[in-house]
């Protein structure tokens, strides 16, 4: 202070532990969603909504589904709504979380689509479960955060640059953990000739480098596989020096104070010294599953939907043709076995005499209803 005039502190410097390894992140609220890519989650929800719409439309079109059974009064009205839009979505979502739901589609087309969705869900859930375990294991790897943690590493080699100010501090300190750190550096000769050499050795693993802010900036910018401890030690503040009595000292001090009060000084520190971290370009989570890994499963799902829609089209054409043929010959789809209760006596000569060639009246099987007495008589009169 007697020989120099100093400005207010413009930067707080310190030393960090730089090493190769996995960084330990703080627990996040939605960490359970991170094993799958965001696009993959959106695609899965879209597939869930798409399958729901397909089942809903199928229930409206196919004559053997619950909706048409309710119209023919073979099932209750509530059962006929089993695959409306809301219930279809609930059915698909329940299968997605492996809970299941009743009732199931009745038509072969609906069964094909549902079975395909179940296979899709099986693959997705199994992959997610396995990847979640690996993801949480990777996130849980421990890291060295302080010099005290460093002294507990019996097999690790650690050192620093011989030109750093911390070397003199470690050499003269009589307190732990500084004494233990200096003893290790001195006995194992782990001092390096430059910060660049220290970062190169740390990148090869098996070496932990103690570096200051400039080395931290270089590590975060150019060495993506190195991690930096978040705890800074041996802190010291840096200021601008001026000759005693300089006119610039007061002006610069006033400007530094204004920058600090407005927050611009902290912003400049983050921009140029990267104290809060700087992600490397192209860095991605190696454990996260992306959309490209699930292309085959989505192709399988689309093929199942296409097959179900094709079967639905063929079945609807067949039902329509059967209705037309049955309308020309018989009133119903299937011709039942003739039995006394299904024979209507009719004769062209005597209304009271039994006919020698009785007309068998079909009893509906499966989803079709029986003809009432009035309908049977009206049909016979039309014949």
Protein backbone atom coordinates (compact mmCIF):
# COMPACT_ATOMS: atom_id res chain seq x y z
CA UNK A 1 0.00 0.00 0.00
CA UNK A 2 2.96 2.35 0.56
CA UNK A 3 4.47 1.76 -2.88
CA UNK A 4 1.29 1.25 -4.98
CA UNK A 5 -2.23 2.59 -5.19
CA UNK A 6 -4.73 -0.25 -5.67
CA UNK A 7 -8.19 -0.16 -7.20
CA UNK A 8 -11.12 -1.99 -5.57
CA UNK A 9 -10.88 -5.79 -6.12
CA UNK A 10 -12.05 -6.73 -9.60
CA UNK A 11 -11.75 -10.52 -9.36
CA UNK A 12 -11.56 -13.21 -6.72
CA UNK A 13 -9.09 -15.85 -7.76
CA UNK A 14 -8.50 -19.26 -6.27
CA UNK A 15 -7.55 -22.87 -6.98
CA UNK A 16 -9.66 -25.83 -8.04
CA UNK A 17 -9.13 -29.57 -8.28
CA UNK A 18 -9.13 -30.70 -11.92
CA UNK A 19 -9.39 -34.39 -12.78
CA UNK A 20 -10.81 -36.90 -15.21
CA UNK A 21 -14.08 -38.55 -14.31
CA UNK A 22 -17.84 -38.21 -13.93
CA UNK A 23 -19.20 -35.08 -12.42
CA UNK A 24 -21.68 -35.46 -9.59
CA UNK A 25 -24.79 -33.39 -10.28
CA UNK A 26 -27.33 -32.24 -7.76
CA UNK A 27 -30.57 -34.28 -7.72
CA UNK A 28 -33.17 -32.86 -10.09
CA UNK A 29 -36.94 -33.03 -9.81
CA UNK A 30 -37.53 -34.66 -13.21
CA UNK A 31 -34.33 -36.69 -13.27
CA UNK A 32 -36.36 -39.87 -13.83
CA UNK A 33 -37.29 -38.59 -17.30
CA UNK A 34 -33.70 -38.04 -18.44
CA UNK A 35 -32.88 -41.63 -19.57
CA UNK A 36 -35.00 -41.00 -22.68
CA UNK A 37 -34.61 -38.13 -25.10
CA UNK A 38 -37.26 -35.40 -25.07
CA UNK A 39 -38.21 -36.17 -28.68
CA UNK A 40 -38.64 -39.82 -27.75
CA UNK A 41 -41.02 -38.95 -24.89
CA UNK A 42 -43.08 -36.78 -27.25
CA UNK A 43 -43.16 -39.56 -29.86
CA UNK A 44 -44.33 -42.12 -27.30
CA UNK A 45 -47.15 -39.87 -26.07
CA UNK A 46 -48.12 -39.19 -29.69
CA UNK A 47 -48.20 -42.94 -30.36
CA UNK A 48 -50.39 -43.40 -27.28
CA UNK A 49 -52.86 -40.79 -28.57
CA UNK A 50 -52.74 -42.23 -32.10
CA UNK A 51 -53.53 -45.79 -30.95
CA UNK A 52 -56.43 -44.41 -28.87
CA UNK A 53 -57.94 -42.68 -31.90
CA UNK A 54 -57.49 -45.80 -34.05
CA UNK A 55 -59.31 -48.00 -31.50
CA UNK A 56 -62.09 -45.42 -31.19
CA UNK A 57 -62.62 -45.24 -34.96
CA UNK A 58 -62.45 -49.03 -35.21
CA UNK A 59 -65.20 -49.39 -32.61
CA UNK A 60 -67.43 -47.11 -34.68
CA UNK A 61 -66.82 -48.90 -38.00
CA UNK A 62 -66.56 -52.59 -37.18
CA UNK A 63 -69.96 -54.35 -36.80
CA UNK A 64 -68.63 -56.84 -34.25
CA UNK A 65 -67.30 -54.26 -31.78
CA UNK A 66 -68.94 -53.17 -28.52
CA UNK A 67 -70.56 -50.05 -29.97
CA UNK A 68 -72.58 -52.00 -32.55
CA UNK A 69 -73.43 -54.74 -30.06
CA UNK A 70 -75.01 -52.08 -27.86
CA UNK A 71 -76.97 -50.73 -30.84
CA UNK A 72 -78.36 -54.23 -31.40
CA UNK A 73 -79.07 -54.42 -27.65
CA UNK A 74 -76.88 -57.44 -27.11
CA UNK A 75 -74.90 -55.62 -24.42
CA UNK A 76 -75.69 -52.75 -22.12
CA UNK A 77 -75.29 -49.15 -23.14
CA UNK A 78 -72.36 -48.74 -20.73
CA UNK A 79 -70.54 -51.66 -22.35
CA UNK A 80 -71.15 -50.10 -25.73
CA UNK A 81 -69.09 -47.09 -24.58
CA UNK A 82 -66.10 -49.26 -23.68
CA UNK A 83 -64.05 -47.82 -26.54
CA UNK A 84 -65.20 -44.27 -26.81
CA UNK A 85 -62.41 -41.71 -27.12
CA UNK A 86 -61.83 -41.29 -23.37
CA UNK A 87 -61.99 -44.99 -22.55
CA UNK A 88 -59.76 -45.83 -25.52
CA UNK A 89 -57.10 -43.46 -24.22
CA UNK A 90 -57.42 -44.92 -20.73
CA UNK A 91 -57.08 -48.46 -22.11
CA UNK A 92 -53.93 -47.55 -24.08
CA UNK A 93 -52.36 -45.61 -21.21
CA UNK A 94 -53.07 -48.43 -18.74
CA UNK A 95 -51.26 -50.85 -21.01
CA UNK A 96 -48.36 -48.38 -21.24
CA UNK A 97 -47.81 -48.54 -17.47
CA UNK A 98 -48.39 -52.33 -17.44
CA UNK A 99 -51.68 -52.19 -15.54
CA UNK A 100 -54.03 -53.64 -18.15
CA UNK A 101 -57.67 -52.82 -18.68
CA UNK A 102 -60.97 -54.54 -19.54
CA UNK A 103 -62.80 -55.10 -21.77
CA UNK A 104 -60.70 -55.97 -24.81
CA UNK A 105 -61.60 -55.40 -28.47
CA UNK A 106 -63.76 -58.17 -29.95
CA UNK A 107 -62.77 -57.98 -33.61
CA UNK A 108 -59.64 -59.55 -35.04
CA UNK A 109 -58.54 -56.14 -36.34
CA UNK A 110 -58.75 -54.64 -32.86
CA UNK A 111 -56.85 -57.55 -31.36
CA UNK A 112 -54.01 -57.16 -33.86
CA UNK A 113 -53.64 -53.47 -33.03
CA UNK A 114 -53.78 -54.09 -29.27
CA UNK A 115 -51.26 -56.95 -29.40
CA UNK A 116 -48.89 -54.77 -31.42
CA UNK A 117 -49.21 -51.99 -28.85
CA UNK A 118 -48.50 -54.43 -26.02
CA UNK A 119 -45.28 -55.55 -27.74
CA UNK A 120 -44.29 -51.91 -28.22
CA UNK A 121 -44.92 -51.15 -24.55
CA UNK A 122 -42.94 -54.23 -23.46
CA UNK A 123 -39.83 -53.12 -25.37
CA UNK A 124 -40.11 -49.48 -24.28
CA UNK A 125 -40.66 -50.22 -20.59
CA UNK A 126 -37.88 -52.81 -20.43
CA UNK A 127 -35.41 -50.45 -22.12
CA UNK A 128 -36.41 -47.53 -19.92
CA UNK A 129 -36.06 -49.56 -16.72
CA UNK A 130 -32.62 -50.89 -17.64
CA UNK A 131 -31.39 -47.48 -18.81
CA UNK A 132 -32.74 -45.74 -15.71
CA UNK A 133 -30.65 -48.01 -13.50
CA UNK A 134 -27.52 -47.31 -15.56
CA UNK A 135 -28.30 -43.60 -15.65
CA UNK A 136 -28.68 -43.28 -11.88
CA UNK A 137 -25.54 -45.35 -11.31
CA UNK A 138 -23.53 -43.05 -13.57
CA UNK A 139 -24.98 -39.98 -11.86
CA UNK A 140 -24.06 -41.38 -8.46
CA UNK A 141 -20.32 -41.69 -9.00
CA UNK A 142 -18.38 -39.84 -6.32
CA UNK A 143 -16.08 -36.92 -6.97
CA UNK A 144 -13.28 -35.18 -5.06
CA UNK A 145 -14.42 -31.71 -4.03
CA UNK A 146 -11.80 -30.42 -1.56
CA UNK A 147 -8.20 -30.84 -0.45
CA UNK A 148 -9.39 -32.90 2.52
CA UNK A 149 -11.04 -35.35 0.08
CA UNK A 150 -7.84 -35.33 -1.93
CA UNK A 151 -5.69 -36.43 1.00
CA UNK A 152 -7.94 -39.47 1.50
CA UNK A 153 -7.04 -40.79 -1.96
CA UNK A 154 -4.15 -43.10 -1.13
CA UNK A 155 -3.56 -44.36 -4.67
CA UNK A 156 -4.10 -41.09 -6.55
CA UNK A 157 -1.28 -38.91 -7.83
CA UNK A 158 -1.83 -35.19 -7.57
CA UNK A 159 0.27 -32.11 -8.05
CA UNK A 160 0.35 -28.51 -9.27
CA UNK A 161 2.35 -26.06 -11.39
CA UNK A 162 5.65 -25.00 -9.86
CA UNK A 163 5.03 -21.34 -10.75
CA UNK A 164 1.78 -20.98 -8.78
CA UNK A 165 1.67 -18.93 -5.59
CA UNK A 166 0.08 -21.84 -3.77
CA UNK A 167 3.38 -23.74 -3.88
CA UNK A 168 4.96 -21.34 -1.38
CA UNK A 169 1.86 -21.45 0.79
CA UNK A 170 1.83 -25.26 0.89
CA UNK A 171 5.56 -25.36 1.63
CA UNK A 172 5.29 -23.03 4.62
CA UNK A 173 1.93 -24.16 6.00
CA UNK A 174 1.83 -26.06 9.29
CA UNK A 175 -1.84 -27.06 9.07
CA UNK A 176 -3.60 -30.01 7.55
CA UNK A 177 -4.63 -30.79 4.87
CA UNK A 178 -2.01 -28.43 3.36
CA UNK A 179 0.91 -30.22 5.03
CA UNK A 180 -0.26 -33.61 3.76
CA UNK A 181 -0.75 -32.28 0.22
CA UNK A 182 2.73 -30.71 0.14
CA UNK A 183 4.34 -33.87 1.53
CA UNK A 184 2.72 -35.92 -1.24
CA UNK A 185 3.82 -33.49 -3.97
CA UNK A 186 7.38 -33.32 -2.60
CA UNK A 187 7.87 -37.05 -2.03
CA UNK A 188 6.27 -38.17 -5.33
CA UNK A 189 7.66 -35.29 -7.41
CA UNK A 190 4.33 -34.56 -9.03
CA UNK A 191 5.07 -30.92 -9.83
CA UNK A 192 4.56 -30.02 -13.51
CA UNK A 193 6.41 -27.51 -15.69
CA UNK A 194 3.28 -25.67 -16.94
CA UNK A 195 -0.51 -25.64 -16.48
CA UNK A 196 -0.84 -27.16 -19.96
CA UNK A 197 1.26 -30.16 -18.91
CA UNK A 198 -0.87 -30.55 -15.81
CA UNK A 199 -4.09 -30.65 -17.84
CA UNK A 200 -2.61 -33.15 -20.27
CA UNK A 201 -1.61 -35.48 -17.45
CA UNK A 202 -5.03 -35.13 -15.81
CA UNK A 203 -6.69 -36.04 -19.11
CA UNK A 204 -4.81 -39.34 -19.19
CA UNK A 205 -6.33 -40.29 -15.80
CA UNK A 206 -4.42 -41.28 -12.71
CA UNK A 207 -3.33 -37.67 -12.08
CA UNK A 208 -5.18 -34.84 -10.34
CA UNK A 209 -4.11 -31.28 -11.12
CA UNK A 210 -4.49 -28.33 -8.75
CA UNK A 211 -4.96 -25.29 -11.00
CA UNK A 212 -6.10 -21.69 -10.80
CA UNK A 213 -8.71 -19.78 -12.81
CA UNK A 214 -6.83 -19.74 -16.12
CA UNK A 215 -6.39 -23.53 -16.04
CA UNK A 216 -10.07 -23.94 -15.14
CA UNK A 217 -11.07 -21.83 -18.12
CA UNK A 218 -8.87 -23.90 -20.46
CA UNK A 219 -10.17 -27.19 -19.03
CA UNK A 220 -13.81 -26.24 -19.48
CA UNK A 221 -13.23 -24.94 -22.98
CA UNK A 222 -10.91 -27.51 -24.54
CA UNK A 223 -11.02 -30.62 -22.32
CA UNK A 224 -14.55 -31.96 -22.20
CA UNK A 225 -13.66 -35.10 -20.23
CA UNK A 226 -12.23 -33.17 -17.28
CA UNK A 227 -14.29 -32.09 -14.30
CA UNK A 228 -13.59 -29.23 -11.91
CA UNK A 229 -14.41 -29.16 -8.22
CA UNK A 230 -16.97 -26.54 -7.27
CA UNK A 231 -15.12 -25.59 -4.08
CA UNK A 232 -12.42 -22.97 -4.43
CA UNK A 233 -9.57 -22.78 -1.90
CA UNK A 234 -6.62 -20.47 -1.24
CA UNK A 235 -8.71 -17.53 -2.38
CA UNK A 236 -7.17 -14.16 -3.07
CA UNK A 237 -8.55 -10.99 -4.61
CA UNK A 238 -7.00 -9.22 -7.56
CA UNK A 239 -6.88 -5.45 -8.03
CA UNK A 240 -5.37 -2.98 -10.50
CA UNK A 241 -2.14 -1.29 -9.31
CA UNK A 242 -1.27 2.41 -9.92
CA UNK A 243 1.69 4.56 -8.99
CA UNK A 244 1.14 6.53 -5.79
CA UNK A 245 -0.67 9.80 -6.50
CA UNK A 246 -1.85 8.75 -9.97
CA UNK A 247 -4.90 10.63 -11.26
CA UNK A 248 -6.19 7.43 -12.90
CA UNK A 249 -6.49 5.55 -9.62
CA UNK A 250 -9.53 7.48 -8.41
CA UNK A 251 -11.29 7.38 -11.82
CA UNK A 252 -10.66 3.66 -12.31
CA UNK A 253 -11.75 2.92 -8.74
CA UNK A 254 -15.01 4.80 -9.32
CA UNK A 255 -15.62 2.94 -12.61
CA UNK A 256 -14.93 -0.46 -10.97
CA UNK A 257 -17.37 0.37 -8.15
CA UNK A 258 -20.09 1.30 -10.67
CA UNK A 259 -19.53 -1.94 -12.62
CA UNK A 260 -19.74 -3.97 -9.42
CA UNK A 261 -22.94 -2.25 -8.27
CA UNK A 262 -24.65 -2.77 -11.64
CA UNK A 263 -23.65 -6.44 -11.84
CA UNK A 264 -21.63 -5.99 -15.02
CA UNK A 265 -18.39 -6.91 -13.28
CA UNK A 266 -19.77 -10.33 -12.31
CA UNK A 267 -21.03 -10.82 -15.88
CA UNK A 268 -17.58 -10.02 -17.28
CA UNK A 269 -16.05 -12.49 -14.85
CA UNK A 270 -18.43 -15.25 -16.02
CA UNK A 271 -17.79 -14.41 -19.66
CA UNK A 272 -13.99 -14.34 -19.56
CA UNK A 273 -13.08 -16.64 -16.70
CA UNK A 274 -15.97 -19.15 -16.91
CA UNK A 275 -16.35 -19.51 -13.16
CA UNK A 276 -19.89 -20.90 -13.51
CA UNK A 277 -19.00 -23.46 -16.11
CA UNK A 278 -18.91 -23.63 -19.87
CA UNK A 279 -20.19 -26.60 -21.79
CA UNK A 280 -18.08 -28.01 -24.58
CA UNK A 281 -19.55 -27.81 -28.06
CA UNK A 282 -21.27 -31.03 -29.06
CA UNK A 283 -21.27 -32.48 -25.55
CA UNK A 284 -24.21 -34.85 -25.04
CA UNK A 285 -25.34 -37.33 -22.44
CA UNK A 286 -23.89 -40.69 -23.45
CA UNK A 287 -26.46 -42.62 -21.40
CA UNK A 288 -29.56 -41.01 -22.91
CA UNK A 289 -31.56 -43.01 -25.45
CA UNK A 290 -32.48 -41.05 -28.56
CA UNK A 291 -35.14 -41.44 -31.21
CA UNK A 292 -32.75 -43.16 -33.63
CA UNK A 293 -32.37 -46.04 -31.17
CA UNK A 294 -36.12 -46.73 -31.26
CA UNK A 295 -36.81 -46.43 -34.97
CA UNK A 296 -37.33 -50.17 -35.38
CA UNK A 297 -39.90 -50.32 -32.56
CA UNK A 298 -41.91 -47.46 -34.07
CA UNK A 299 -41.77 -49.11 -37.50
CA UNK A 300 -43.11 -52.31 -35.93
CA UNK A 301 -45.95 -50.35 -34.32
CA UNK A 302 -46.87 -48.67 -37.60
CA UNK A 303 -46.87 -52.02 -39.40
CA UNK A 304 -49.18 -53.45 -36.73
CA UNK A 305 -51.59 -50.52 -37.11
CA UNK A 306 -51.54 -50.90 -40.91
CA UNK A 307 -52.20 -54.65 -40.61
CA UNK A 308 -55.11 -54.05 -38.21
CA UNK A 309 -56.64 -51.42 -40.49
CA UNK A 310 -56.28 -53.77 -43.46
CA UNK A 311 -58.00 -56.62 -41.61
CA UNK A 312 -60.75 -54.21 -40.52
CA UNK A 313 -61.35 -53.18 -44.13
CA UNK A 314 -61.55 -56.80 -45.30
CA UNK A 315 -63.87 -57.79 -42.44
CA UNK A 316 -66.20 -54.86 -43.08
CA UNK A 317 -66.43 -55.78 -46.78
CA UNK A 318 -67.13 -59.39 -45.86
CA UNK A 319 -69.84 -58.42 -43.37
CA UNK A 320 -71.42 -56.12 -45.93
CA UNK A 321 -71.44 -58.82 -48.58
CA UNK A 322 -72.85 -61.34 -46.11
CA UNK A 323 -75.62 -58.91 -45.22
CA UNK A 324 -76.50 -58.45 -48.88
CA UNK A 325 -76.57 -62.18 -49.57
CA UNK A 326 -78.51 -62.85 -46.40
CA UNK A 327 -81.04 -60.15 -47.27
CA UNK A 328 -81.80 -61.77 -50.63
CA UNK A 329 -82.15 -65.28 -49.24
CA UNK A 330 -82.72 -65.17 -45.52
CA UNK A 331 -83.40 -62.42 -43.02
CA UNK A 332 -80.29 -63.04 -40.92
CA UNK A 333 -76.57 -63.76 -41.28
CA UNK A 334 -76.42 -67.43 -40.25
CA UNK A 335 -78.85 -70.26 -40.92
CA UNK A 336 -79.47 -72.14 -37.72
CA UNK A 337 -80.40 -75.77 -37.44
CA UNK A 338 -84.16 -76.29 -37.91
CA UNK A 339 -85.91 -76.99 -34.67
CA UNK A 340 -89.57 -77.06 -33.70
CA UNK A 341 -89.47 -73.70 -32.03
CA UNK A 342 -87.88 -72.11 -35.08
CA UNK A 343 -90.34 -73.44 -37.67
CA UNK A 344 -93.13 -71.20 -38.87
CA UNK A 345 -96.02 -73.23 -40.38
CA UNK A 346 -97.28 -71.74 -43.61
CA UNK A 347 -99.34 -73.19 -46.48
CA UNK A 348 -100.83 -71.74 -49.64
CA UNK A 349 -103.99 -73.90 -49.31
CA UNK A 350 -104.89 -73.99 -45.65
CA UNK A 351 -103.74 -71.52 -43.06
CA UNK A 352 -104.45 -73.98 -40.27
CA UNK A 353 -102.76 -76.97 -41.88
CA UNK A 354 -99.06 -77.47 -41.33
CA UNK A 355 -96.83 -77.02 -44.30
CA UNK A 356 -94.93 -79.95 -45.70
CA UNK A 357 -91.90 -77.69 -46.34
CA UNK A 358 -91.50 -75.54 -43.32
CA UNK A 359 -89.42 -72.33 -43.54
CA UNK A 360 -86.59 -72.43 -41.04
CA UNK A 361 -86.16 -69.10 -39.29
CA UNK A 362 -82.60 -68.32 -38.25
CA UNK A 363 -81.73 -67.57 -34.71
CA UNK A 364 -78.99 -64.97 -34.47
CA UNK A 365 -75.76 -66.31 -33.16
CA UNK A 366 -73.05 -64.33 -31.48
CA UNK A 367 -73.74 -60.60 -31.64
CA UNK A 368 -77.06 -60.83 -33.60
CA UNK A 369 -80.55 -60.74 -32.02
CA UNK A 370 -83.49 -63.09 -32.49
CA UNK A 371 -86.51 -62.08 -34.54
CA UNK A 372 -89.62 -61.26 -32.57
CA UNK A 373 -92.94 -62.92 -33.44
CA UNK A 374 -94.20 -59.76 -35.13
CA UNK A 375 -91.06 -59.45 -37.26
CA UNK A 376 -91.26 -63.14 -38.21
CA UNK A 377 -94.93 -62.83 -39.36
CA UNK A 378 -94.23 -59.62 -41.27
CA UNK A 379 -91.34 -61.29 -43.03
CA UNK A 380 -93.41 -64.33 -43.95
CA UNK A 381 -96.14 -62.08 -45.34
CA UNK A 382 -93.56 -60.29 -47.49
CA UNK A 383 -92.36 -63.61 -48.82
